[in-house]
Structures are given as C-alpha cells and as structure tokens.
C-alpha cells in the first residue's frame, strides 16, 4: 500500500489555508443589508408591517399623534412613511401613538352599533328626541 505523497496534496492544503485579507464590513452596512433582506422577504415585525401597510393619511395621523419629527428618523434622507426608517426613539413614539389609538378605540362603540345608530330611521328618532328635549 502506498502512502499519500505530501507533494501531491501540498497545493491543495495551501489552497485552503492561504486566504486573502478582507476588510470587515461596517456594522451599519451589515444592518442595512439585513433590513433590506427582511423587507424583501416581508419578515418585518408585526408593528412595522402594520404601519407600512397603512395609507399615507393614516401614517400622517400616527406620526402627528406620536409627536415624531425628522430628528426621529435614523437618516434625514429617509422617508418618514416607512417605520424601519425611524430611530429607536421614533419607533417608540409611533408605538405609543398606536397604543393610544387602541385604548381610545376600546372606549368607542363597535362598528355594528355605529351602523345601527346612524341609519335613517335611528337618525329620525334621534332628531325627534332632541326636539322634545329642547322644547321642554
């Protein structure tokens, strides 16, 4: 039985040990790439997905309620209509606005009650009650 010659495998071993020196990618670049990948795969967190799916008008409302400003964006050149473009502080302000709206919505009547009490029949009855109340 012949033993393997070092000469035969020497070049192969060298190929797996001699790697060129490559500069490390900055963390910011890595994070941008990860965020872009998550965006492409639609793997954002549920808060970001929900905010980004809102209409521009609804986003403006949340931004106003949250009290965010351009200084809350992670980069001044980013759009304020994508939640991933906000700094942690801006993200927290938007989440606070969402919580406020959810608590407010819990105190209001449900959609079926709104439909029922805004029908033409109900509005007519309301008008009659108001007339009686004001005439007394």
N, C-alpha and C. Protein backbone atom coordinates (compact mmCIF):
# COMPACT_ATOMS: atom_id res chain seq x y z
N UNK A 1 0.83 -1.17 0.00
CA UNK A 1 0.00 0.00 0.00
C UNK A 1 0.88 1.24 0.00
N UNK A 2 0.58 2.17 -0.89
CA UNK A 2 1.36 3.39 -0.99
C UNK A 2 0.79 4.47 -0.10
N UNK A 3 1.67 5.23 0.53
CA UNK A 3 1.20 6.36 1.35
C UNK A 3 1.04 7.56 0.43
N UNK A 4 0.18 8.45 0.83
CA UNK A 4 -0.07 9.66 0.04
C UNK A 4 1.14 10.55 0.12
N UNK A 5 1.52 11.06 -0.99
CA UNK A 5 2.69 11.91 -1.02
C UNK A 5 2.33 13.33 -0.61
N UNK A 6 3.12 13.98 0.26
CA UNK A 6 2.85 15.36 0.66
C UNK A 6 2.89 16.29 -0.54
N UNK A 7 3.69 15.95 -1.51
CA UNK A 7 3.80 16.79 -2.70
C UNK A 7 2.45 16.83 -3.44
N UNK A 8 1.77 15.69 -3.48
CA UNK A 8 0.51 15.60 -4.21
C UNK A 8 -0.57 16.47 -3.55
N UNK A 9 -0.62 16.52 -2.23
CA UNK A 9 -1.66 17.27 -1.54
C UNK A 9 -1.18 18.63 -1.03
N UNK A 10 0.05 18.96 -1.20
CA UNK A 10 0.59 20.22 -0.71
C UNK A 10 -0.11 21.44 -1.28
N UNK A 11 -0.33 21.46 -2.59
CA UNK A 11 -1.00 22.59 -3.23
C UNK A 11 -2.45 22.68 -2.76
N UNK A 12 -3.07 21.52 -2.54
CA UNK A 12 -4.46 21.50 -2.09
C UNK A 12 -4.57 22.06 -0.68
N UNK A 13 -3.67 21.67 0.18
CA UNK A 13 -3.67 22.19 1.56
C UNK A 13 -3.44 23.69 1.55
N UNK A 14 -2.54 24.16 0.72
CA UNK A 14 -2.25 25.59 0.62
C UNK A 14 -3.48 26.36 0.14
N UNK A 15 -4.25 25.78 -0.74
CA UNK A 15 -5.42 26.45 -1.28
C UNK A 15 -6.45 26.70 -0.19
N UNK A 16 -6.47 25.87 0.84
CA UNK A 16 -7.46 26.03 1.91
C UNK A 16 -6.91 26.78 3.12
N UNK A 17 -5.67 27.16 3.09
CA UNK A 17 -5.10 27.87 4.24
C UNK A 17 -4.66 29.28 3.89
N UNK A 18 -4.44 29.58 2.66
CA UNK A 18 -3.97 30.91 2.27
C UNK A 18 -5.13 31.75 1.73
N UNK A 19 -5.79 32.47 2.65
CA UNK A 19 -6.90 33.31 2.25
C UNK A 19 -6.44 34.76 2.23
N UNK A 20 -6.95 35.53 1.29
CA UNK A 20 -6.59 36.95 1.28
C UNK A 20 -7.25 37.67 2.46
N UNK A 21 -6.62 38.74 2.90
CA UNK A 21 -7.17 39.54 3.98
C UNK A 21 -8.27 40.43 3.41
N UNK A 22 -9.46 40.36 3.98
CA UNK A 22 -10.59 41.17 3.53
C UNK A 22 -11.02 42.04 4.70
N UNK A 23 -11.24 43.33 4.41
CA UNK A 23 -11.68 44.24 5.47
C UNK A 23 -13.06 43.86 5.94
N UNK A 24 -13.29 44.04 7.24
CA UNK A 24 -14.59 43.76 7.80
C UNK A 24 -15.60 44.78 7.28
N UNK A 25 -16.80 44.32 6.98
CA UNK A 25 -17.87 45.22 6.56
C UNK A 25 -18.36 45.98 7.79
N UNK A 26 -18.54 47.29 7.68
CA UNK A 26 -19.03 48.05 8.84
C UNK A 26 -20.41 47.55 9.29
N UNK A 27 -20.65 47.61 10.58
CA UNK A 27 -21.91 47.13 11.16
C UNK A 27 -23.12 47.81 10.53
N UNK A 28 -23.01 49.10 10.24
CA UNK A 28 -24.13 49.84 9.64
C UNK A 28 -24.50 49.26 8.27
N UNK A 29 -23.50 48.91 7.49
CA UNK A 29 -23.73 48.33 6.17
C UNK A 29 -24.39 46.96 6.32
N UNK A 30 -23.88 46.16 7.26
CA UNK A 30 -24.48 44.85 7.53
C UNK A 30 -25.95 44.99 7.92
N UNK A 31 -26.24 45.93 8.81
CA UNK A 31 -27.61 46.12 9.29
C UNK A 31 -28.53 46.55 8.16
N UNK A 32 -28.04 47.44 7.30
CA UNK A 32 -28.84 47.87 6.14
C UNK A 32 -29.16 46.68 5.25
N UNK A 33 -28.18 45.81 5.03
CA UNK A 33 -28.39 44.62 4.21
C UNK A 33 -29.39 43.67 4.84
N UNK A 34 -29.29 43.48 6.14
CA UNK A 34 -30.23 42.61 6.86
C UNK A 34 -31.63 43.20 6.77
N UNK A 35 -31.77 44.50 6.99
CA UNK A 35 -33.08 45.16 6.92
C UNK A 35 -33.68 45.02 5.52
N UNK A 36 -32.84 45.20 4.50
CA UNK A 36 -33.31 45.09 3.12
C UNK A 36 -33.77 43.66 2.83
N UNK A 37 -33.04 42.68 3.33
CA UNK A 37 -33.41 41.28 3.14
C UNK A 37 -34.74 40.99 3.83
N UNK A 38 -34.89 41.44 5.07
CA UNK A 38 -36.16 41.25 5.78
C UNK A 38 -37.30 41.92 5.02
N UNK A 39 -37.03 43.09 4.47
CA UNK A 39 -38.06 43.80 3.72
C UNK A 39 -38.45 43.00 2.48
N UNK A 40 -37.46 42.47 1.77
CA UNK A 40 -37.73 41.68 0.57
C UNK A 40 -38.52 40.42 0.91
N UNK A 41 -38.23 39.82 2.05
CA UNK A 41 -38.89 38.59 2.45
C UNK A 41 -40.17 38.86 3.25
N UNK A 42 -40.50 40.14 3.42
CA UNK A 42 -41.67 40.56 4.19
C UNK A 42 -41.64 39.96 5.59
N UNK A 43 -40.45 40.03 6.22
CA UNK A 43 -40.27 39.44 7.54
C UNK A 43 -40.14 40.49 8.63
N UNK A 44 -40.65 41.68 8.38
CA UNK A 44 -40.58 42.72 9.40
C UNK A 44 -41.45 42.33 10.58
N UNK A 45 -41.20 42.96 11.71
CA UNK A 45 -42.03 42.69 12.88
C UNK A 45 -43.47 43.15 12.60
N UNK A 46 -44.44 42.64 13.35
CA UNK A 46 -45.85 42.96 13.05
C UNK A 46 -46.18 44.44 13.15
N UNK A 47 -45.49 45.17 14.01
CA UNK A 47 -45.75 46.61 14.15
C UNK A 47 -45.31 47.33 12.89
N UNK A 48 -44.12 47.00 12.40
CA UNK A 48 -43.60 47.62 11.18
C UNK A 48 -44.46 47.27 9.98
N UNK A 49 -44.83 45.99 9.86
CA UNK A 49 -45.68 45.58 8.73
C UNK A 49 -47.01 46.33 8.74
N UNK A 50 -47.62 46.44 9.93
CA UNK A 50 -48.92 47.11 10.03
C UNK A 50 -48.80 48.59 9.68
N UNK A 51 -47.78 49.26 10.22
CA UNK A 51 -47.60 50.69 9.94
C UNK A 51 -47.35 50.92 8.46
N UNK A 52 -46.46 50.14 7.88
CA UNK A 52 -46.10 50.33 6.47
C UNK A 52 -47.27 50.03 5.53
N UNK A 53 -48.22 49.22 5.97
CA UNK A 53 -49.38 48.89 5.14
C UNK A 53 -50.48 49.96 5.20
N UNK A 54 -50.37 50.89 6.15
CA UNK A 54 -51.38 51.94 6.28
C UNK A 54 -51.32 52.91 5.10
N UNK A 55 -52.42 53.60 4.90
CA UNK A 55 -52.44 54.65 3.88
C UNK A 55 -51.56 55.81 4.35
N UNK A 56 -51.15 56.65 3.44
CA UNK A 56 -50.31 57.80 3.80
C UNK A 56 -51.04 58.69 4.81
N UNK A 57 -52.34 58.86 4.62
CA UNK A 57 -53.14 59.70 5.53
C UNK A 57 -53.10 59.13 6.95
N UNK A 58 -53.28 57.80 7.09
CA UNK A 58 -53.25 57.17 8.41
C UNK A 58 -51.87 57.24 9.04
N UNK A 59 -50.83 57.09 8.23
CA UNK A 59 -49.46 57.21 8.74
C UNK A 59 -49.22 58.62 9.27
N UNK A 60 -49.69 59.62 8.53
CA UNK A 60 -49.53 61.01 8.97
C UNK A 60 -50.23 61.24 10.31
N UNK A 61 -51.40 60.63 10.48
CA UNK A 61 -52.14 60.74 11.73
C UNK A 61 -51.33 60.15 12.88
N UNK A 62 -50.81 58.94 12.69
CA UNK A 62 -49.99 58.31 13.74
C UNK A 62 -48.73 59.12 14.04
N UNK A 63 -48.11 59.64 12.99
CA UNK A 63 -46.90 60.44 13.17
C UNK A 63 -47.22 61.69 13.99
N UNK A 64 -48.37 62.31 13.70
CA UNK A 64 -48.77 63.52 14.43
C UNK A 64 -49.10 63.19 15.89
N UNK A 65 -49.85 62.12 16.11
CA UNK A 65 -50.21 61.74 17.48
C UNK A 65 -48.96 61.36 18.27
N UNK A 66 -48.04 60.67 17.61
CA UNK A 66 -46.80 60.25 18.27
C UNK A 66 -45.85 61.41 18.55
N UNK A 67 -46.04 62.51 17.85
CA UNK A 67 -45.16 63.66 18.05
C UNK A 67 -43.77 63.45 17.48
N UNK A 68 -43.67 62.64 16.44
CA UNK A 68 -42.35 62.42 15.84
C UNK A 68 -41.98 63.59 14.94
N UNK A 69 -40.70 63.72 14.72
CA UNK A 69 -40.19 64.76 13.83
C UNK A 69 -39.09 64.16 12.97
N UNK A 70 -38.54 64.98 12.08
CA UNK A 70 -37.46 64.48 11.22
C UNK A 70 -36.25 64.03 12.03
N UNK A 71 -36.09 64.58 13.21
CA UNK A 71 -34.94 64.18 14.05
C UNK A 71 -35.09 62.75 14.57
N UNK A 72 -36.31 62.21 14.49
CA UNK A 72 -36.54 60.82 14.91
C UNK A 72 -36.23 59.81 13.82
N UNK A 73 -35.90 60.28 12.61
CA UNK A 73 -35.51 59.38 11.54
C UNK A 73 -34.06 58.96 11.73
N UNK A 74 -33.74 57.73 11.37
CA UNK A 74 -32.36 57.26 11.52
C UNK A 74 -31.44 57.96 10.52
N UNK A 75 -32.00 58.44 9.42
CA UNK A 75 -31.24 59.18 8.41
C UNK A 75 -32.16 60.27 7.87
N UNK A 76 -31.72 61.53 7.84
CA UNK A 76 -32.61 62.61 7.41
C UNK A 76 -33.10 62.49 5.97
N UNK A 77 -32.47 61.63 5.19
CA UNK A 77 -32.88 61.47 3.79
C UNK A 77 -33.88 60.34 3.59
N UNK A 78 -34.20 59.62 4.67
CA UNK A 78 -35.16 58.53 4.58
C UNK A 78 -36.59 59.05 4.63
N UNK A 79 -37.49 58.26 4.12
CA UNK A 79 -38.92 58.59 4.16
C UNK A 79 -39.45 58.36 5.56
N UNK A 80 -40.36 59.25 6.01
CA UNK A 80 -40.95 59.02 7.32
C UNK A 80 -42.20 58.16 7.21
N UNK A 81 -42.46 57.58 6.05
CA UNK A 81 -43.62 56.71 5.86
C UNK A 81 -43.26 55.24 5.90
N UNK A 82 -42.03 54.92 6.29
CA UNK A 82 -41.60 53.54 6.49
C UNK A 82 -41.07 53.45 7.92
N UNK A 83 -41.66 52.60 8.73
CA UNK A 83 -41.31 52.55 10.15
C UNK A 83 -39.86 52.14 10.39
N UNK A 84 -39.31 51.33 9.50
CA UNK A 84 -37.92 50.90 9.70
C UNK A 84 -36.93 52.06 9.53
N UNK A 85 -37.39 53.19 9.01
CA UNK A 85 -36.51 54.34 8.85
C UNK A 85 -36.41 55.20 10.10
N UNK A 86 -37.16 54.86 11.14
CA UNK A 86 -37.12 55.62 12.39
C UNK A 86 -36.06 55.09 13.33
N UNK A 87 -35.50 55.98 14.12
CA UNK A 87 -34.59 55.57 15.19
C UNK A 87 -35.40 54.84 16.25
N UNK A 88 -34.72 54.28 17.23
CA UNK A 88 -35.43 53.59 18.31
C UNK A 88 -36.39 54.54 19.02
N UNK A 89 -35.95 55.78 19.22
CA UNK A 89 -36.80 56.77 19.88
C UNK A 89 -38.05 57.08 19.05
N UNK A 90 -37.88 57.24 17.75
CA UNK A 90 -39.02 57.49 16.87
C UNK A 90 -39.97 56.30 16.83
N UNK A 91 -39.40 55.09 16.80
CA UNK A 91 -40.21 53.86 16.81
C UNK A 91 -41.07 53.81 18.07
N UNK A 92 -40.46 54.15 19.22
CA UNK A 92 -41.20 54.14 20.49
C UNK A 92 -42.34 55.15 20.47
N UNK A 93 -42.12 56.31 19.86
CA UNK A 93 -43.18 57.32 19.77
C UNK A 93 -44.35 56.82 18.93
N UNK A 94 -44.05 56.16 17.82
CA UNK A 94 -45.11 55.61 16.96
C UNK A 94 -45.88 54.52 17.71
N UNK A 95 -45.16 53.65 18.42
CA UNK A 95 -45.82 52.59 19.18
C UNK A 95 -46.71 53.19 20.27
N UNK A 96 -46.23 54.26 20.90
CA UNK A 96 -47.04 54.95 21.92
C UNK A 96 -48.34 55.49 21.29
N UNK A 97 -48.25 56.03 20.09
CA UNK A 97 -49.44 56.54 19.38
C UNK A 97 -50.39 55.39 19.05
N UNK A 98 -49.86 54.25 18.63
CA UNK A 98 -50.70 53.08 18.33
C UNK A 98 -51.43 52.63 19.59
N UNK A 99 -50.70 52.58 20.70
CA UNK A 99 -51.34 52.18 21.98
C UNK A 99 -52.46 53.15 22.34
N UNK A 100 -52.21 54.44 22.17
CA UNK A 100 -53.22 55.46 22.49
C UNK A 100 -54.48 55.24 21.64
N UNK A 101 -54.30 55.03 20.36
CA UNK A 101 -55.45 54.83 19.46
C UNK A 101 -56.20 53.54 19.83
N UNK A 102 -55.47 52.50 20.16
CA UNK A 102 -56.14 51.23 20.54
C UNK A 102 -56.95 51.40 21.82
N UNK A 103 -56.40 52.10 22.81
CA UNK A 103 -57.15 52.34 24.05
C UNK A 103 -58.37 53.21 23.77
N UNK A 104 -58.22 54.20 22.93
CA UNK A 104 -59.33 55.07 22.56
C UNK A 104 -60.41 54.27 21.84
N UNK A 105 -60.02 53.42 20.91
CA UNK A 105 -60.97 52.63 20.14
C UNK A 105 -61.76 51.67 21.03
N UNK A 106 -61.12 51.16 22.09
CA UNK A 106 -61.82 50.26 23.01
C UNK A 106 -62.95 50.96 23.74
N UNK A 107 -62.86 52.28 23.90
CA UNK A 107 -63.89 53.05 24.60
C UNK A 107 -65.05 53.45 23.70
N UNK A 108 -64.89 53.31 22.40
CA UNK A 108 -65.91 53.73 21.44
C UNK A 108 -66.80 52.55 21.05
N UNK A 109 -68.03 52.85 20.57
CA UNK A 109 -68.93 51.76 20.15
C UNK A 109 -68.35 50.98 18.96
N UNK A 110 -68.78 49.73 18.86
CA UNK A 110 -68.30 48.88 17.77
C UNK A 110 -68.95 49.32 16.45
N UNK A 111 -68.46 48.78 15.37
CA UNK A 111 -68.92 49.16 14.03
C UNK A 111 -70.41 48.88 13.83
N UNK A 112 -70.88 47.76 14.35
CA UNK A 112 -72.31 47.44 14.16
C UNK A 112 -73.20 48.44 14.89
N UNK A 113 -72.78 48.90 16.06
CA UNK A 113 -73.55 49.93 16.78
C UNK A 113 -73.54 51.23 16.01
N UNK A 114 -72.42 51.57 15.43
CA UNK A 114 -72.34 52.80 14.64
C UNK A 114 -73.26 52.72 13.43
N UNK A 115 -73.31 51.56 12.79
CA UNK A 115 -74.19 51.37 11.64
C UNK A 115 -75.65 51.47 12.06
N UNK A 116 -75.98 50.81 13.17
CA UNK A 116 -77.36 50.79 13.65
C UNK A 116 -77.85 52.20 13.99
N UNK A 117 -77.04 52.94 14.73
CA UNK A 117 -77.48 54.24 15.22
C UNK A 117 -77.28 55.38 14.22
N UNK A 118 -76.78 55.07 13.05
CA UNK A 118 -76.68 56.11 12.02
C UNK A 118 -77.59 55.79 10.84
N UNK A 119 -78.46 54.79 11.00
CA UNK A 119 -79.43 54.51 9.93
C UNK A 119 -80.42 55.68 9.88
N UNK A 120 -81.09 55.85 8.77
CA UNK A 120 -82.02 56.99 8.61
C UNK A 120 -83.14 56.91 9.64
N UNK A 121 -83.61 55.71 9.97
CA UNK A 121 -84.66 55.56 10.97
C UNK A 121 -84.18 56.03 12.34
N UNK A 122 -83.00 55.59 12.73
CA UNK A 122 -82.45 55.97 14.03
C UNK A 122 -82.15 57.47 14.09
N UNK A 123 -81.67 58.03 13.00
CA UNK A 123 -81.38 59.48 12.98
C UNK A 123 -82.66 60.28 13.12
N UNK A 124 -83.75 59.82 12.51
CA UNK A 124 -85.04 60.49 12.61
C UNK A 124 -85.52 60.45 14.06
N UNK A 125 -85.40 59.26 14.71
CA UNK A 125 -85.80 59.13 16.12
C UNK A 125 -84.95 60.03 17.01
N UNK A 126 -83.69 60.11 16.72
CA UNK A 126 -82.79 60.98 17.50
C UNK A 126 -83.22 62.44 17.36
N UNK A 127 -83.56 62.84 16.15
CA UNK A 127 -84.00 64.20 15.89
C UNK A 127 -85.27 64.51 16.68
N UNK A 128 -86.21 63.57 16.70
CA UNK A 128 -87.45 63.77 17.45
C UNK A 128 -87.18 63.90 18.95
N UNK A 129 -86.30 63.05 19.48
CA UNK A 129 -85.94 63.13 20.89
C UNK A 129 -85.32 64.47 21.22
N UNK A 130 -84.42 64.94 20.35
CA UNK A 130 -83.77 66.24 20.58
C UNK A 130 -84.78 67.39 20.56
N UNK A 131 -85.76 67.30 19.66
CA UNK A 131 -86.79 68.35 19.59
C UNK A 131 -87.59 68.38 20.88
N UNK A 132 -87.96 67.20 21.38
CA UNK A 132 -88.71 67.12 22.62
C UNK A 132 -87.90 67.65 23.78
N UNK A 133 -86.63 67.29 23.82
CA UNK A 133 -85.75 67.72 24.89
C UNK A 133 -85.59 69.25 24.91
N UNK A 134 -85.43 69.84 23.75
CA UNK A 134 -85.23 71.29 23.66
C UNK A 134 -86.52 72.08 23.85
N UNK A 135 -87.67 71.45 23.60
CA UNK A 135 -88.93 72.16 23.76
C UNK A 135 -89.37 72.21 25.22
N UNK A 136 -88.83 71.33 26.05
CA UNK A 136 -89.21 71.32 27.48
C UNK A 136 -88.49 72.32 28.27
